[in-house]
């Protein structure tokens, strides 16, 4: 038996001769190089690592096109969009992509109420059971900001055509609005077995052990706008999305460090957006970065956050 670990292990696993499909399900920027390695070999990548697309989405899409690789999103929201776009002939038919967001455990709370929330409070997601980092990102709404950038890259649309709506029930996983006013949505129970299986079996659908959605017993579906004043991480991510370039990698790197500090109870809830902003401001902006420049932006942002402590 061979045991692999670290970046070298991830790269070897992503490049195994016998693999035709690679699922990128690690957390953070560490998923970038293995994803590029798999795509460079023409593999199908089931992408469950949004940071890869956030930091280097243009390079990832370029690698897929150049080498004949394929990216199938695994995140429930991007799987929903992928499914809604199956019947669309071209992107010119799309008016907006609408990402749904549960609002996390702190939906409806004011800035004053949020100032003292602990990591234990933040880890109580109402609908999904996930790892600690992504659960904190859901609490700050940074996760939805990262998904906006991921959607831009995956579906090759500008930031202005990617919207966010709070949908507490997590039944509608995302929507696409078309230029003629028609809107398609993907409904389903909040169970990751559904999008994971689709990434593995696409273009086919097969039986799934996840329960089906019972329309007669599901709760009423509600939608409202996000509060970017109480949750500034979403606004910061939208700003980075419009800037593009190294701004996205710097934002992501700073956020990864800030969330780790919050989980270690070294900082407060609103220190997360403060440190993300600090990390972004510390990195010189490059509009069309190569891989080395992206990795350097990530390093500088992390270093700035750590040095500020």
Protein backbone atom coordinates (compact mmCIF):
# COMPACT_ATOMS: atom_id res chain seq x y z
CA UNK A 1 0.00 0.00 0.00
CA UNK A 2 1.26 3.48 -0.90
CA UNK A 3 0.46 6.41 1.38
CA UNK A 4 0.64 9.90 -0.14
CA UNK A 5 0.38 13.24 1.62
CA UNK A 6 0.92 16.96 1.16
CA UNK A 7 1.04 18.81 -2.14
CA UNK A 8 3.18 16.12 -3.75
CA UNK A 9 0.66 13.46 -2.78
CA UNK A 10 -2.25 15.48 -4.17
CA UNK A 11 -0.43 16.00 -7.45
CA UNK A 12 0.34 12.30 -7.79
CA UNK A 13 -3.26 11.34 -6.98
CA UNK A 14 -4.58 13.81 -9.54
CA UNK A 15 -2.22 12.42 -12.19
CA UNK A 16 -2.69 8.66 -11.70
CA UNK A 17 -2.72 6.82 -15.02
CA UNK A 18 -5.80 4.77 -14.16
CA UNK A 19 -7.94 7.78 -13.19
CA UNK A 20 -10.41 9.22 -15.70
CA UNK A 21 -12.21 11.40 -13.15
CA UNK A 22 -10.66 13.44 -10.35
CA UNK A 23 -12.75 14.98 -7.56
CA UNK A 24 -11.10 18.08 -6.12
CA UNK A 25 -12.58 18.20 -2.63
CA UNK A 26 -9.76 19.66 -0.52
CA UNK A 27 -10.28 22.99 1.24
CA UNK A 28 -8.53 26.14 0.12
CA UNK A 29 -5.87 27.26 -2.34
CA UNK A 30 -4.14 23.87 -2.00
CA UNK A 31 -6.60 22.50 -4.56
CA UNK A 32 -5.30 24.67 -7.43
CA UNK A 33 -2.22 22.77 -8.60
CA UNK A 34 -3.83 19.28 -8.46
CA UNK A 35 -6.81 20.57 -10.44
CA UNK A 36 -4.52 22.03 -13.10
CA UNK A 37 -2.56 18.76 -13.18
CA UNK A 38 -5.70 16.69 -13.78
CA UNK A 39 -7.01 19.04 -16.49
CA UNK A 40 -3.64 19.09 -18.26
CA UNK A 41 -4.05 15.33 -18.71
CA UNK A 42 -7.52 15.76 -20.22
CA UNK A 43 -9.33 14.38 -17.18
CA UNK A 44 -12.83 15.12 -15.98
CA UNK A 45 -12.65 17.14 -12.76
CA UNK A 46 -15.54 17.12 -10.32
CA UNK A 47 -14.86 20.50 -8.71
CA UNK A 48 -15.82 20.85 -5.04
CA UNK A 49 -13.04 23.36 -4.30
CA UNK A 50 -14.25 26.87 -5.05
CA UNK A 51 -10.95 28.53 -4.09
CA UNK A 52 -9.34 27.07 -7.22
CA UNK A 53 -11.71 29.01 -9.47
CA UNK A 54 -11.63 32.09 -7.26
CA UNK A 55 -7.85 32.44 -7.40
CA UNK A 56 -7.06 31.21 -10.91
CA UNK A 57 -10.31 30.56 -12.74
CA UNK A 58 -9.10 31.91 -16.07
CA UNK A 59 -6.03 29.65 -16.00
CA UNK A 60 -8.15 26.64 -15.00
CA UNK A 61 -10.66 27.19 -17.82
CA UNK A 62 -7.81 27.71 -20.27
CA UNK A 63 -6.17 24.43 -19.19
CA UNK A 64 -9.47 22.56 -19.65
CA UNK A 65 -9.97 23.94 -23.16
CA UNK A 66 -6.34 23.45 -24.21
CA UNK A 67 -6.06 19.83 -23.09
CA UNK A 68 -9.63 18.58 -23.53
CA UNK A 69 -10.38 18.38 -19.83
CA UNK A 70 -13.86 18.81 -18.41
CA UNK A 71 -15.05 20.60 -15.28
CA UNK A 72 -18.28 19.43 -13.64
CA UNK A 73 -19.20 21.51 -10.56
CA UNK A 74 -20.00 19.65 -7.36
CA UNK A 75 -21.11 22.54 -5.13
CA UNK A 76 -24.90 22.42 -4.93
CA UNK A 77 -25.32 25.96 -6.29
CA UNK A 78 -23.03 25.52 -9.27
CA UNK A 79 -24.41 22.07 -10.01
CA UNK A 80 -27.84 23.70 -10.08
CA UNK A 81 -26.67 26.34 -12.55
CA UNK A 82 -24.95 23.67 -14.64
CA UNK A 83 -28.22 21.76 -14.84
CA UNK A 84 -30.27 24.86 -15.64
CA UNK A 85 -27.93 25.70 -18.50
CA UNK A 86 -28.03 22.23 -20.09
CA UNK A 87 -30.66 23.36 -22.57
CA UNK A 88 -29.18 26.79 -23.28
CA UNK A 89 -27.63 27.19 -26.72
CA UNK A 90 -25.26 30.02 -25.84
CA UNK A 91 -24.42 32.46 -23.03
CA UNK A 92 -26.10 35.27 -24.97
CA UNK A 93 -29.44 33.80 -23.87
CA UNK A 94 -28.55 34.30 -20.18
CA UNK A 95 -29.60 37.49 -18.43
CA UNK A 96 -28.50 36.62 -14.88
CA UNK A 97 -27.27 33.76 -12.75
CA UNK A 98 -28.92 33.86 -9.33
CA UNK A 99 -27.11 32.09 -6.50
CA UNK A 100 -29.23 31.17 -3.51
CA UNK A 101 -27.81 31.57 -0.02
CA UNK A 102 -29.23 30.18 3.21
CA UNK A 103 -28.08 33.24 5.15
CA UNK A 104 -26.18 31.03 7.60
CA UNK A 105 -26.79 30.90 11.36
CA UNK A 106 -26.89 34.68 11.82
CA UNK A 107 -29.55 35.68 9.32
CA UNK A 108 -31.46 38.78 10.45
CA UNK A 109 -28.97 39.79 13.14
CA UNK A 110 -27.67 43.36 13.41
CA UNK A 111 -24.04 44.45 13.45
CA UNK A 112 -24.31 45.04 17.19
CA UNK A 113 -25.63 41.53 17.77
CA UNK A 114 -22.98 39.98 15.53
CA UNK A 115 -20.04 41.69 17.18
CA UNK A 116 -19.82 39.15 19.98
CA UNK A 117 -20.73 35.89 18.27
CA UNK A 118 -18.39 32.98 18.93
CA UNK A 119 -17.07 30.25 16.66
CA UNK A 120 -19.47 27.83 18.36
CA UNK A 121 -22.37 30.04 17.29
CA UNK A 122 -20.96 30.37 13.77
CA UNK A 123 -20.56 26.62 13.33
CA UNK A 124 -24.31 25.97 13.77
CA UNK A 125 -25.39 26.05 10.14
CA UNK A 126 -29.18 25.69 9.83
CA UNK A 127 -29.31 23.38 6.77
CA UNK A 128 -25.94 21.83 5.85
CA UNK A 129 -23.33 19.80 7.71
CA UNK A 130 -19.91 20.85 6.42
CA UNK A 131 -16.30 21.36 7.44
CA UNK A 132 -15.37 24.18 9.80
CA UNK A 133 -13.80 26.54 7.27
CA UNK A 134 -16.71 26.56 4.83
CA UNK A 135 -19.21 26.79 7.70
CA UNK A 136 -17.52 29.96 8.99
CA UNK A 137 -17.52 31.31 5.42
CA UNK A 138 -21.26 30.66 5.33
CA UNK A 139 -21.69 32.57 8.59
CA UNK A 140 -19.86 35.63 7.21
CA UNK A 141 -21.43 35.20 3.73
CA UNK A 142 -17.91 35.05 2.29
CA UNK A 143 -18.80 31.62 0.93
CA UNK A 144 -21.41 33.20 -1.31
CA UNK A 145 -18.93 35.84 -2.42
CA UNK A 146 -16.48 33.11 -3.39
CA UNK A 147 -19.27 31.38 -5.30
CA UNK A 148 -20.01 34.58 -7.24
CA UNK A 149 -16.42 34.60 -8.50
CA UNK A 150 -16.54 30.87 -9.21
CA UNK A 151 -19.74 31.32 -11.24
CA UNK A 152 -18.15 34.13 -13.27
CA UNK A 153 -15.25 31.89 -14.22
CA UNK A 154 -17.18 28.66 -14.78
CA UNK A 155 -19.87 30.24 -16.93
CA UNK A 156 -17.75 33.05 -18.41
CA UNK A 157 -20.02 35.91 -17.39
CA UNK A 158 -19.20 39.33 -15.87
CA UNK A 159 -19.78 40.01 -12.18
CA UNK A 160 -22.82 42.16 -13.01
CA UNK A 161 -24.67 39.06 -14.27
CA UNK A 162 -24.21 37.05 -11.07
CA UNK A 163 -26.66 37.88 -8.27
CA UNK A 164 -27.19 36.60 -4.72
CA UNK A 165 -30.54 36.03 -3.01
CA UNK A 166 -31.19 34.77 0.52
CA UNK A 167 -33.29 31.60 0.46
CA UNK A 168 -33.50 30.18 3.97
CA UNK A 169 -34.95 26.78 3.09
CA UNK A 170 -32.09 25.59 0.79
CA UNK A 171 -34.63 23.91 -1.48
CA UNK A 172 -33.97 26.04 -4.57
CA UNK A 173 -30.26 25.52 -5.12
CA UNK A 174 -29.86 28.31 -7.70
CA UNK A 175 -31.57 29.83 -10.72
CA UNK A 176 -30.87 31.14 -14.21
CA UNK A 177 -32.87 34.01 -15.69
CA UNK A 178 -32.92 34.23 -19.48
CA UNK A 179 -33.23 37.32 -21.67
CA UNK A 180 -36.85 36.52 -22.58
CA UNK A 181 -37.90 36.62 -18.92
CA UNK A 182 -38.04 32.85 -18.44
CA UNK A 183 -36.39 31.53 -15.29
CA UNK A 184 -35.18 27.99 -14.56
CA UNK A 185 -34.36 26.69 -11.09
CA UNK A 186 -33.12 23.41 -9.69
CA UNK A 187 -35.09 22.18 -6.68
CA UNK A 188 -34.12 19.39 -4.31
CA UNK A 189 -33.48 18.43 -0.71
CA UNK A 190 -30.24 19.80 0.80
CA UNK A 191 -28.26 16.58 0.29
CA UNK A 192 -24.82 16.62 -1.35
CA UNK A 193 -25.22 13.08 -2.67
CA UNK A 194 -27.25 14.49 -5.54
CA UNK A 195 -24.69 16.92 -7.06
CA UNK A 196 -21.77 14.59 -6.26
CA UNK A 197 -23.39 11.72 -8.15
CA UNK A 198 -24.22 13.92 -11.14
CA UNK A 199 -20.56 14.98 -11.40
CA UNK A 200 -19.59 11.30 -11.54
CA UNK A 201 -22.28 10.06 -13.94
CA UNK A 202 -22.84 13.08 -16.25
CA UNK A 203 -24.33 13.15 -18.87
CA UNK A 204 -26.40 10.31 -17.39
CA UNK A 205 -28.65 10.35 -14.33
CA UNK A 206 -29.05 7.26 -12.14
CA UNK A 207 -30.94 6.31 -8.99
CA UNK A 208 -29.71 8.14 -5.89
CA UNK A 209 -30.06 7.13 -2.21
CA UNK A 210 -30.88 10.73 -1.26
CA UNK A 211 -34.56 11.33 -0.52
CA UNK A 212 -36.66 13.08 -3.15
CA UNK A 213 -38.30 16.43 -2.51
CA UNK A 214 -41.89 16.11 -1.29
CA UNK A 215 -43.63 19.23 -2.57
CA UNK A 216 -46.57 18.68 -0.23
CA UNK A 217 -44.48 18.74 2.94
CA UNK A 218 -41.67 21.18 2.09
CA UNK A 219 -41.92 24.59 3.78
CA UNK A 220 -42.97 27.78 1.99
CA UNK A 221 -40.12 29.13 -0.13
CA UNK A 222 -38.92 32.65 0.70
CA UNK A 223 -36.42 34.99 -0.97
CA UNK A 224 -34.87 38.27 0.17
CA UNK A 225 -31.84 40.47 -0.43
CA UNK A 226 -28.59 39.92 1.53
CA UNK A 227 -27.55 42.51 4.13
CA UNK A 228 -24.05 43.57 3.05
CA UNK A 229 -23.78 46.09 5.88
CA UNK A 230 -24.12 43.41 8.56
CA UNK A 231 -22.14 40.93 6.41
CA UNK A 232 -19.38 42.98 4.74
CA UNK A 233 -17.45 39.93 3.51
CA UNK A 234 -19.98 39.53 0.70
CA UNK A 235 -19.47 43.14 -0.39
CA UNK A 236 -15.67 42.71 -0.29
CA UNK A 237 -15.89 39.58 -2.43
CA UNK A 238 -18.14 41.33 -4.95
CA UNK A 239 -15.59 44.14 -5.14
CA UNK A 240 -12.81 41.61 -5.80
CA UNK A 241 -14.98 39.93 -8.43
CA UNK A 242 -15.31 43.17 -10.38
CA UNK A 243 -11.59 43.95 -10.04
CA UNK A 244 -10.46 40.46 -11.04
CA UNK A 245 -6.76 39.75 -11.44
CA UNK A 246 -4.78 39.20 -8.27
CA UNK A 247 -7.48 40.85 -6.12
CA UNK A 248 -9.36 37.55 -5.94
CA UNK A 249 -6.32 35.50 -4.89
CA UNK A 250 -5.33 38.11 -2.29
CA UNK A 251 -8.85 38.18 -0.87
CA UNK A 252 -9.02 34.40 -0.67
CA UNK A 253 -5.60 34.02 0.95
CA UNK A 254 -6.36 36.67 3.57
CA UNK A 255 -9.72 35.07 4.29
CA UNK A 256 -8.23 31.60 4.77
CA UNK A 257 -5.85 32.95 7.41
CA UNK A 258 -8.50 35.12 9.09
CA UNK A 259 -10.94 32.21 9.35
CA UNK A 260 -8.21 30.01 10.84
CA UNK A 261 -7.52 32.69 13.46
CA UNK A 262 -11.23 32.96 14.25
CA UNK A 263 -11.48 29.19 14.68
CA UNK A 264 -8.53 29.40 17.07
CA UNK A 265 -10.50 32.12 18.95
CA UNK A 266 -7.72 34.67 18.46
CA UNK A 267 -9.95 37.24 16.74
CA UNK A 268 -13.57 38.33 16.73
CA UNK A 269 -16.22 37.93 14.05
CA UNK A 270 -15.76 41.37 12.51
CA UNK A 271 -12.01 41.01 12.52
CA UNK A 272 -12.46 38.60 9.61
CA UNK A 273 -13.56 41.25 7.06
CA UNK A 274 -11.08 43.74 8.55
CA UNK A 275 -8.18 41.35 8.00
CA UNK A 276 -9.41 40.36 4.54
CA UNK A 277 -9.37 44.03 3.55
CA UNK A 278 -5.91 44.45 5.08
CA UNK A 279 -4.57 41.47 3.13
CA UNK A 280 -6.04 42.71 -0.15
CA UNK A 281 -4.60 46.20 0.32
CA UNK A 282 -1.14 44.74 0.95
CA UNK A 283 -0.90 43.09 -2.48
CA UNK A 284 0.07 45.05 -5.62
CA UNK A 285 -2.63 44.57 -8.23
CA UNK A 286 -1.96 42.69 -11.46
CA UNK A 287 -4.81 42.56 -13.97
CA UNK A 288 -3.75 39.45 -15.95
CA UNK A 289 -1.59 37.36 -13.63
CA UNK A 290 0.17 34.13 -14.48
CA UNK A 291 0.29 31.23 -12.02
CA UNK A 292 3.41 32.48 -10.24
CA UNK A 293 1.88 35.92 -9.74
CA UNK A 294 -1.30 34.37 -8.36
CA UNK A 295 0.66 32.26 -5.90
CA UNK A 296 2.68 35.32 -4.88
CA UNK A 297 -0.48 37.37 -4.30
CA UNK A 298 -1.79 34.58 -2.09
CA UNK A 299 1.49 34.48 -0.14
CA UNK A 300 1.69 38.24 0.37
CA UNK A 301 -1.91 38.49 1.57
CA UNK A 302 -1.42 35.69 4.07
CA UNK A 303 1.82 37.24 5.28
CA UNK A 304 0.15 40.63 5.76
CA UNK A 305 -2.59 39.13 7.94
CA UNK A 306 -0.17 37.12 10.04
CA UNK A 307 2.18 40.10 10.47
CA UNK A 308 -0.68 42.26 11.72
CA UNK A 309 -1.33 40.01 14.70
